[in-house]
Amino acid sequence: MARRRRKMRKQGVRTLVTQKLEHVSKAVFERYLDQITQLVGDSPGVYALYDEGELYYVGKSVDLRNRVKHHLKDRHGASWTHFSVYLTRREEHIHEIESLLVRIANPTGNRVVPKGRSSGPLLKLLQRHIKQRQQEELASLFGRRPSRRAVAPDRNEEGELVGLVSVKTRLRRTYRGKDYTAVLLPKGQIVVRGRRFLSPSAAAQSIARGGINGWYFWWVEKPDGEWVKLKEIRR
């Protein structure tokens, strides 16, 4: 993990969490508030309160030092013994991080748990994968050959490639031991073995059958020569 962080810093990759203090005693916060204030400053972030080793509460704030200080005297005051603080690079990230942690851990001190359900392109892709799998299972059970028709890509993929790159850019993928290459054009097309596709998933499905998310399938070469998944340069 440390090696990965060094590599990311060397490549100029900006992490979401910039600094952190983990599982610090409440007594430290009470006695050395000024020192913690100097370290934390007015950075936004998320924090966690613990009752010994058990997560009790998760919160967010654009002023972490005063927010945690407030919890010394409010209804949570007698319920936590340790705290952790995570400073984020941008304020707009803290709400989503807090909601995610509360939904996963469901701490006893959080009265309101954010509601929600799976949605968006990932859910649709999962449904298509399941449908394709069910068709293959039915064909196997009743002695029919499974359909080899590729699942159509999402319509909203078309057009998202336009202007993604300013020059012809190489794509590649190793699939089942074989290397495949393609070219991404500035006008929003992917050329695979002489065929042109308007979406990365359609281009991927010309190689791999079934519901394939082309944004995760293809690797693209950045101007500095580094290869990353196509989704990494998606706007």
C-alpha atoms as a PDB file:
ATOM      1  CA  MET A   1       0.000   0.000   0.000  1.00  0.00           C
ATOM      2  CA  ALA A   2       2.825   2.413   0.885  1.00  0.00           C
ATOM      3  CA  ARG A   3       4.513   1.629  -2.429  1.00  0.00           C
ATOM      4  CA  ARG A   4       1.285   2.360  -4.248  1.00  0.00           C
ATOM      5  CA  ARG A   5       0.923   5.734  -2.505  1.00  0.00           C
ATOM      6  CA  ARG A   6       4.497   6.662  -3.450  1.00  0.00           C
ATOM      7  CA  LYS A   7       3.813   5.714  -7.044  1.00  0.00           C
ATOM      8  CA  MET A   8       0.621   7.793  -7.072  1.00  0.00           C
ATOM      9  CA  ARG A   9       2.478  10.824  -5.696  1.00  0.00           C
ATOM     10  CA  LYS A  10       5.189  10.389  -8.300  1.00  0.00           C
ATOM     11  CA  GLN A  11       2.577  10.273 -11.068  1.00  0.00           C
ATOM     12  CA  GLY A  12       0.807  13.344  -9.687  1.00  0.00           C
ATOM     13  CA  VAL A  13      -2.372  11.469  -8.694  1.00  0.00           C
ATOM     14  CA  ARG A  14      -4.349  13.464  -6.129  1.00  0.00           C
ATOM     15  CA  THR A  15      -5.866  11.362  -3.356  1.00  0.00           C
ATOM     16  CA  LEU A  16      -9.312  12.033  -1.904  1.00  0.00           C
ATOM     17  CA  VAL A  17      -8.171  11.979   1.750  1.00  0.00           C
ATOM     18  CA  THR A  18      -5.255  14.339   2.359  1.00  0.00           C
ATOM     19  CA  GLN A  19      -4.561  13.770   6.081  1.00  0.00           C
ATOM     20  CA  LYS A  20      -5.921  11.653   8.918  1.00  0.00           C
ATOM     21  CA  LEU A  21      -5.851  11.072  12.666  1.00  0.00           C
ATOM     22  CA  GLU A  22      -7.146   7.669  13.680  1.00  0.00           C
ATOM     23  CA  HIS A  23      -8.485   6.316  16.972  1.00  0.00           C
ATOM     24  CA  VAL A  24      -7.194   9.142  19.164  1.00  0.00           C
ATOM     25  CA  SER A  25      -8.305   9.266  22.819  1.00  0.00           C
ATOM     26  CA  LYS A  26     -10.946  11.805  23.848  1.00  0.00           C
ATOM     27  CA  ALA A  27      -8.555  12.884  26.608  1.00  0.00           C
ATOM     28  CA  VAL A  28      -6.032  13.989  23.964  1.00  0.00           C
ATOM     29  CA  PHE A  29      -8.690  16.100  22.280  1.00  0.00           C
ATOM     30  CA  GLU A  30      -9.736  17.691  25.570  1.00  0.00           C
ATOM     31  CA  ARG A  31      -6.198  18.503  26.738  1.00  0.00           C
ATOM     32  CA  TYR A  32      -4.517  19.419  23.465  1.00  0.00           C
ATOM     33  CA  LEU A  33      -7.262  21.093  21.468  1.00  0.00           C
ATOM     34  CA  ASP A  34      -4.976  23.943  20.384  1.00  0.00           C
ATOM     35  CA  GLN A  35      -2.412  21.549  18.907  1.00  0.00           C
ATOM     36  CA  ILE A  36      -5.119  19.582  17.078  1.00  0.00           C
ATOM     37  CA  THR A  37      -6.566  22.867  15.838  1.00  0.00           C
ATOM     38  CA  GLN A  38      -3.227  23.810  14.308  1.00  0.00           C
ATOM     39  CA  LEU A  39      -3.043  20.494  12.485  1.00  0.00           C
ATOM     40  CA  VAL A  40      -6.638  20.310  11.286  1.00  0.00           C
ATOM     41  CA  GLY A  41      -7.162  24.005  10.548  1.00  0.00           C
ATOM     42  CA  ASP A  42     -10.436  24.738   8.777  1.00  0.00           C
ATOM     43  CA  SER A  43     -10.253  21.765   6.428  1.00  0.00           C
ATOM     44  CA  PRO A  44     -13.449  19.906   5.499  1.00  0.00           C
ATOM     45  CA  GLY A  45     -13.725  16.208   6.174  1.00  0.00           C
ATOM     46  CA  VAL A  46     -15.468  13.358   7.944  1.00  0.00           C
ATOM     47  CA  TYR A  47     -14.981  12.081  11.462  1.00  0.00           C
ATOM     48  CA  ALA A  48     -15.846   8.982  13.475  1.00  0.00           C
ATOM     49  CA  LEU A  49     -16.552   8.637  17.192  1.00  0.00           C
ATOM     50  CA  TYR A  50     -15.844   5.326  18.916  1.00  0.00           C
ATOM     51  CA  ASP A  51     -16.959   3.753  22.173  1.00  0.00           C
ATOM     52  CA  GLU A  52     -13.652   2.027  22.874  1.00  0.00           C
ATOM     53  CA  GLY A  53     -13.214  -0.131  19.764  1.00  0.00           C
ATOM     54  CA  GLU A  54     -16.808   0.035  18.498  1.00  0.00           C
ATOM     55  CA  LEU A  55     -17.920   2.624  15.969  1.00  0.00           C
ATOM     56  CA  TYR A  56     -20.535   4.855  17.570  1.00  0.00           C
ATOM     57  CA  TYR A  57     -21.104   7.829  15.265  1.00  0.00           C
ATOM     58  CA  VAL A  58     -20.062   9.159  11.838  1.00  0.00           C
ATOM     59  CA  GLY A  59     -20.329  12.803  10.869  1.00  0.00           C
ATOM     60  CA  LYS A  60     -19.107  15.430   8.435  1.00  0.00           C
ATOM     61  CA  SER A  61     -18.182  19.083   8.730  1.00  0.00           C
ATOM     62  CA  VAL A  62     -16.408  21.946   7.014  1.00  0.00           C
ATOM     63  CA  ASP A  63     -15.007  22.848  10.466  1.00  0.00           C
ATOM     64  CA  LEU A  64     -13.914  19.558  12.019  1.00  0.00           C
ATOM     65  CA  ARG A  65     -12.228  20.910  15.135  1.00  0.00           C
ATOM     66  CA  ASN A  66     -15.342  22.733  16.357  1.00  0.00           C
ATOM     67  CA  ARG A  67     -17.632  19.921  15.295  1.00  0.00           C
ATOM     68  CA  VAL A  68     -15.791  17.311  17.359  1.00  0.00           C
ATOM     69  CA  LYS A  69     -15.501  19.807  20.234  1.00  0.00           C
ATOM     70  CA  HIS A  70     -19.284  20.229  20.135  1.00  0.00           C
ATOM     71  CA  HIS A  71     -19.678  16.477  20.696  1.00  0.00           C
ATOM     72  CA  LEU A  72     -17.927  16.800  24.054  1.00  0.00           C
ATOM     73  CA  LYS A  73     -21.061  18.424  25.488  1.00  0.00           C
ATOM     74  CA  ASP A  74     -24.017  17.351  23.339  1.00  0.00           C
ATOM     75  CA  ARG A  75     -26.058  14.142  23.601  1.00  0.00           C
ATOM     76  CA  HIS A  76     -23.095  12.120  22.327  1.00  0.00           C
ATOM     77  CA  GLY A  77     -20.715  13.429  24.998  1.00  0.00           C
ATOM     78  CA  ALA A  78     -20.856  10.451  27.336  1.00  0.00           C
ATOM     79  CA  SER A  79     -20.972   7.862  24.545  1.00  0.00           C
ATOM     80  CA  TRP A  80     -17.538   8.086  22.931  1.00  0.00           C
ATOM     81  CA  THR A  81     -13.991   7.541  24.078  1.00  0.00           C
ATOM     82  CA  HIS A  82     -11.945   7.891  20.870  1.00  0.00           C
ATOM     83  CA  PHE A  83     -12.200   9.721  17.565  1.00  0.00           C
ATOM     84  CA  SER A  84     -10.818   9.652  14.048  1.00  0.00           C
ATOM     85  CA  VAL A  85     -10.614  12.567  11.602  1.00  0.00           C
ATOM     86  CA  TYR A  86     -10.167  12.379   7.825  1.00  0.00           C
ATOM     87  CA  LEU A  87      -9.427  15.578   5.919  1.00  0.00           C
ATOM     88  CA  THR A  88     -10.686  15.652   2.336  1.00  0.00           C
ATOM     89  CA  ARG A  89      -9.375  17.602  -0.610  1.00  0.00           C
ATOM     90  CA  ARG A  90     -12.748  19.114  -1.473  1.00  0.00           C
ATOM     91  CA  GLU A  91     -15.804  20.018   0.556  1.00  0.00           C
ATOM     92  CA  GLU A  92     -18.237  18.510  -1.951  1.00  0.00           C
ATOM     93  CA  HIS A  93     -16.938  14.997  -1.179  1.00  0.00           C
ATOM     94  CA  ILE A  94     -17.789  14.910   2.520  1.00  0.00           C
ATOM     95  CA  HIS A  95     -21.564  14.387   2.243  1.00  0.00           C
ATOM     96  CA  GLU A  96     -21.211  11.373  -0.043  1.00  0.00           C
ATOM     97  CA  ILE A  97     -18.481   9.817   2.122  1.00  0.00           C
ATOM     98  CA  GLU A  98     -20.492  10.282   5.314  1.00  0.00           C
ATOM     99  CA  SER A  99     -23.651   8.825   3.748  1.00  0.00           C
ATOM    100  CA  LEU A 100     -21.728   5.815   2.445  1.00  0.00           C
ATOM    101  CA  LEU A 101     -20.149   5.070   5.835  1.00  0.00           C
ATOM    102  CA  VAL A 102     -23.430   5.431   7.722  1.00  0.00           C
ATOM    103  CA  ARG A 103     -25.263   3.163   5.293  1.00  0.00           C
ATOM    104  CA  ILE A 104     -22.550   0.508   5.524  1.00  0.00           C
ATOM    105  CA  ALA A 105     -21.827   0.580   9.267  1.00  0.00           C
ATOM    106  CA  ASN A 106     -25.166   1.865  10.652  1.00  0.00           C
ATOM    107  CA  PRO A 107     -23.585   3.293  13.847  1.00  0.00           C
ATOM    108  CA  THR A 108     -25.832   3.395  16.909  1.00  0.00           C
ATOM    109  CA  GLY A 109     -25.330   7.137  17.384  1.00  0.00           C
ATOM    110  CA  ASN A 110     -26.628   8.086  13.942  1.00  0.00           C
ATOM    111  CA  ARG A 111     -30.386   8.410  14.266  1.00  0.00           C
ATOM    112  CA  VAL A 112     -30.935   9.035  10.568  1.00  0.00           C
ATOM    113  CA  VAL A 113     -29.588   6.473   8.109  1.00  0.00           C
ATOM    114  CA  PRO A 114     -29.517   7.726   4.484  1.00  0.00           C
ATOM    115  CA  LYS A 115     -31.934   5.778   2.354  1.00  0.00           C
ATOM    116  CA  GLY A 116     -31.344   4.599  -1.151  1.00  0.00           C
ATOM    117  CA  ARG A 117     -31.106   1.644  -3.454  1.00  0.00           C
ATOM    118  CA  SER A 118     -29.022   0.464  -6.344  1.00  0.00           C
ATOM    119  CA  SER A 119     -29.565   2.602  -9.391  1.00  0.00           C
ATOM    120  CA  GLY A 120     -27.959   4.026 -12.476  1.00  0.00           C
ATOM    121  CA  PRO A 121     -25.855   2.422 -15.222  1.00  0.00           C
ATOM    122  CA  LEU A 122     -24.233  -0.171 -12.933  1.00  0.00           C
ATOM    123  CA  LEU A 123     -27.619  -1.613 -11.928  1.00  0.00           C
ATOM    124  CA  LYS A 124     -28.739  -1.766 -15.562  1.00  0.00           C
ATOM    125  CA  LEU A 125     -25.515  -3.492 -16.511  1.00  0.00           C
ATOM    126  CA  LEU A 126     -25.960  -6.034 -13.711  1.00  0.00           C
ATOM    127  CA  GLN A 127     -29.511  -6.749 -14.872  1.00  0.00           C
ATOM    128  CA  ARG A 128     -28.292  -7.358 -18.414  1.00  0.00           C
ATOM    129  CA  HIS A 129     -25.551  -9.686 -17.136  1.00  0.00           C
ATOM    130  CA  ILE A 130     -28.116 -11.651 -15.105  1.00  0.00           C
ATOM    131  CA  LYS A 131     -30.518 -11.853 -18.057  1.00  0.00           C
ATOM    132  CA  GLN A 132     -27.738 -13.124 -20.322  1.00  0.00           C
ATOM    133  CA  ARG A 133     -26.719 -15.692 -17.692  1.00  0.00           C
ATOM    134  CA  GLN A 134     -30.301 -16.886 -17.262  1.00  0.00           C
ATOM    135  CA  GLN A 135     -30.647 -17.373 -21.018  1.00  0.00           C
ATOM    136  CA  GLU A 136     -27.471 -19.451 -21.060  1.00  0.00           C
ATOM    137  CA  GLU A 137     -28.692 -21.561 -18.118  1.00  0.00           C
ATOM    138  CA  LEU A 138     -32.054 -22.216 -19.803  1.00  0.00           C
ATOM    139  CA  ALA A 139     -30.330 -23.203 -23.023  1.00  0.00           C
ATOM    140  CA  SER A 140     -28.073 -25.557 -21.097  1.00  0.00           C
ATOM    141  CA  LEU A 141     -30.957 -27.173 -19.182  1.00  0.00           C
ATOM    142  CA  PHE A 142     -33.091 -27.805 -22.261  1.00  0.00           C
ATOM    143  CA  GLY A 143     -30.364 -28.752 -24.711  1.00  0.00           C
ATOM    144  CA  ARG A 144     -30.448 -25.627 -26.869  1.00  0.00           C
ATOM    145  CA  ARG A 145     -27.404 -23.731 -27.977  1.00  0.00           C
ATOM    146  CA  PRO A 146     -27.036 -20.478 -26.008  1.00  0.00           C
ATOM    147  CA  SER A 147     -27.608 -17.272 -27.907  1.00  0.00           C
ATOM    148  CA  ARG A 148     -24.393 -15.590 -29.011  1.00  0.00           C
ATOM    149  CA  ARG A 149     -26.106 -12.249 -29.626  1.00  0.00           C
ATOM    150  CA  ALA A 150     -24.356  -9.516 -27.754  1.00  0.00           C
ATOM    151  CA  VAL A 151     -26.355  -7.435 -25.322  1.00  0.00           C
ATOM    152  CA  ALA A 152     -26.862  -3.938 -26.721  1.00  0.00           C
ATOM    153  CA  PRO A 153     -24.989  -1.151 -24.971  1.00  0.00           C
ATOM    154  CA  ASP A 154     -26.793   1.617 -23.130  1.00  0.00           C
ATOM    155  CA  ARG A 155     -28.063   4.263 -25.510  1.00  0.00           C
ATOM    156  CA  ASN A 156     -26.646   6.994 -23.308  1.00  0.00           C
ATOM    157  CA  GLU A 157     -23.138   5.727 -24.107  1.00  0.00           C
ATOM    158  CA  GLU A 158     -23.391   6.980 -27.661  1.00  0.00           C
ATOM    159  CA  GLY A 159     -21.906  10.415 -28.039  1.00  0.00           C
ATOM    160  CA  GLU A 160     -19.910  10.298 -24.798  1.00  0.00           C
ATOM    161  CA  LEU A 161     -16.730   9.526 -26.741  1.00  0.00           C
ATOM    162  CA  VAL A 162     -16.949  12.712 -28.817  1.00  0.00           C
ATOM    163  CA  GLY A 163     -14.094  15.032 -27.892  1.00  0.00           C
ATOM    164  CA  LEU A 164     -12.767  12.679 -25.229  1.00  0.00           C
ATOM    165  CA  VAL A 165      -9.369  12.797 -26.949  1.00  0.00           C
ATOM    166  CA  SER A 166      -7.914  15.426 -29.285  1.00  0.00           C
ATOM    167  CA  VAL A 167      -5.803  13.049 -31.390  1.00  0.00           C
ATOM    168  CA  LYS A 168      -5.971   9.421 -32.433  1.00  0.00           C
ATOM    169  CA  THR A 169      -5.356   7.423 -29.252  1.00  0.00           C
ATOM    170  CA  ARG A 170      -4.456   3.779 -28.805  1.00  0.00           C
ATOM    171  CA  LEU A 171      -6.625   1.344 -26.876  1.00  0.00           C
ATOM    172  CA  ARG A 172      -5.719  -2.173 -25.872  1.00  0.00           C
ATOM    173  CA  ARG A 173      -7.028  -5.198 -23.996  1.00  0.00           C
ATOM    174  CA  THR A 174      -5.808  -8.722 -23.304  1.00  0.00           C
ATOM    175  CA  TYR A 175      -8.781 -11.072 -23.374  1.00  0.00           C
ATOM    176  CA  ARG A 176      -8.534 -14.832 -22.881  1.00  0.00           C
ATOM    177  CA  GLY A 177      -4.803 -14.761 -23.550  1.00  0.00           C
ATOM    178  CA  LYS A 178      -5.029 -12.773 -26.772  1.00  0.00           C
ATOM    179  CA  ASP A 179      -3.979  -9.133 -27.218  1.00  0.00           C
ATOM    180  CA  TYR A 180      -6.418  -6.775 -28.937  1.00  0.00           C
ATOM    181  CA  THR A 181      -5.782  -3.198 -30.057  1.00  0.00           C
ATOM    182  CA  ALA A 182      -8.103  -0.414 -31.153  1.00  0.00           C
ATOM    183  CA  VAL A 183      -8.016   3.296 -31.943  1.00  0.00           C
ATOM    184  CA  LEU A 184     -10.138   6.001 -30.315  1.00  0.00           C
ATOM    185  CA  LEU A 185     -10.861   8.892 -32.687  1.00  0.00           C
ATOM    186  CA  PRO A 186     -11.487  12.505 -31.620  1.00  0.00           C
ATOM    187  CA  LYS A 187     -14.863  12.486 -33.391  1.00  0.00           C
ATOM    188  CA  GLY A 188     -16.133   9.805 -31.016  1.00  0.00           C
ATOM    189  CA  GLN A 189     -15.560   6.471 -32.705  1.00  0.00           C
ATOM    190  CA  ILE A 190     -13.578   3.381 -31.761  1.00  0.00           C
ATOM    191  CA  VAL A 191     -12.028   1.418 -34.615  1.00  0.00           C
ATOM    192  CA  VAL A 192     -11.577  -2.313 -33.963  1.00  0.00           C
ATOM    193  CA  ARG A 193     -10.267  -4.535 -36.754  1.00  0.00           C
ATOM    194  CA  GLY A 194     -11.540  -2.108 -39.397  1.00  0.00           C
ATOM    195  CA  ARG A 195     -15.002  -1.715 -37.843  1.00  0.00           C
ATOM    196  CA  ARG A 196     -16.199   1.542 -36.286  1.00  0.00           C
ATOM    197  CA  PHE A 197     -18.257   1.715 -33.102  1.00  0.00           C
ATOM    198  CA  LEU A 198     -19.976   4.648 -31.406  1.00  0.00           C
ATOM    199  CA  SER A 199     -19.693   3.306 -27.854  1.00  0.00           C
ATOM    200  CA  PRO A 200     -16.931   1.534 -25.893  1.00  0.00           C
ATOM    201  CA  SER A 201     -19.293  -1.294 -24.929  1.00  0.00           C
ATOM    202  CA  ALA A 202     -20.240  -2.013 -28.548  1.00  0.00           C
ATOM    203  CA  ALA A 203     -16.545  -2.085 -29.429  1.00  0.00           C
ATOM    204  CA  ALA A 204     -15.832  -4.434 -26.518  1.00  0.00           C
ATOM    205  CA  GLN A 205     -18.693  -6.746 -27.495  1.00  0.00           C
ATOM    206  CA  SER A 206     -17.134  -7.226 -30.915  1.00  0.00           C
ATOM    207  CA  ILE A 207     -14.425  -9.133 -29.017  1.00  0.00           C
ATOM    208  CA  ALA A 208     -16.115 -10.480 -25.873  1.00  0.00           C
ATOM    209  CA  ARG A 209     -19.652 -11.795 -26.060  1.00  0.00           C
ATOM    210  CA  GLY A 210     -22.298 -10.815 -23.536  1.00  0.00           C
ATOM    211  CA  GLY A 211     -23.002  -7.649 -21.565  1.00  0.00           C
ATOM    212  CA  ILE A 212     -19.633  -5.913 -21.366  1.00  0.00           C
ATOM    213  CA  ASN A 213     -19.016  -2.452 -19.937  1.00  0.00           C
ATOM    214  CA  GLY A 214     -16.540  -0.992 -22.381  1.00  0.00           C
ATOM    215  CA  TRP A 215     -15.442   1.769 -20.022  1.00  0.00           C
ATOM    216  CA  TYR A 216     -13.939  -0.919 -17.792  1.00  0.00           C
ATOM    217  CA  PHE A 217     -12.936  -3.276 -20.622  1.00  0.00           C
ATOM    218  CA  TRP A 218     -10.614  -1.010 -22.588  1.00  0.00           C
ATOM    219  CA  TRP A 219      -7.275   0.435 -21.492  1.00  0.00           C
ATOM    220  CA  VAL A 220      -6.226   3.760 -23.024  1.00  0.00           C
ATOM    221  CA  GLU A 221      -2.779   5.286 -23.449  1.00  0.00           C
ATOM    222  CA  LYS A 222      -2.488   8.745 -21.881  1.00  0.00           C
ATOM    223  CA  PRO A 223      -0.247  11.436 -23.411  1.00  0.00           C
ATOM    224  CA  ASP A 224       2.474  10.672 -20.839  1.00  0.00           C
ATOM    225  CA  GLY A 225       2.560   7.026 -21.962  1.00  0.00           C
ATOM    226  CA  GLU A 226       0.718   5.636 -18.915  1.00  0.00           C
ATOM    227  CA  TRP A 227      -2.039   3.084 -19.564  1.00  0.00           C
ATOM    228  CA  VAL A 228      -5.269   3.440 -17.564  1.00  0.00           C
ATOM    229  CA  LYS A 229      -8.806   2.118 -17.872  1.00  0.00           C
ATOM    230  CA  LEU A 230     -10.921   4.147 -20.275  1.00  0.00           C
ATOM    231  CA  LYS A 231     -13.248   5.168 -17.452  1.00  0.00           C
ATOM    232  CA  GLU A 232     -10.370   7.110 -15.860  1.00  0.00           C
ATOM    233  CA  ILE A 233     -10.452   9.761 -18.605  1.00  0.00           C
ATOM    234  CA  ARG A 234     -14.236   9.887 -18.850  1.00  0.00           C
ATOM    235  CA  ARG A 235     -15.659  13.320 -18.141  1.00  0.00           C
END
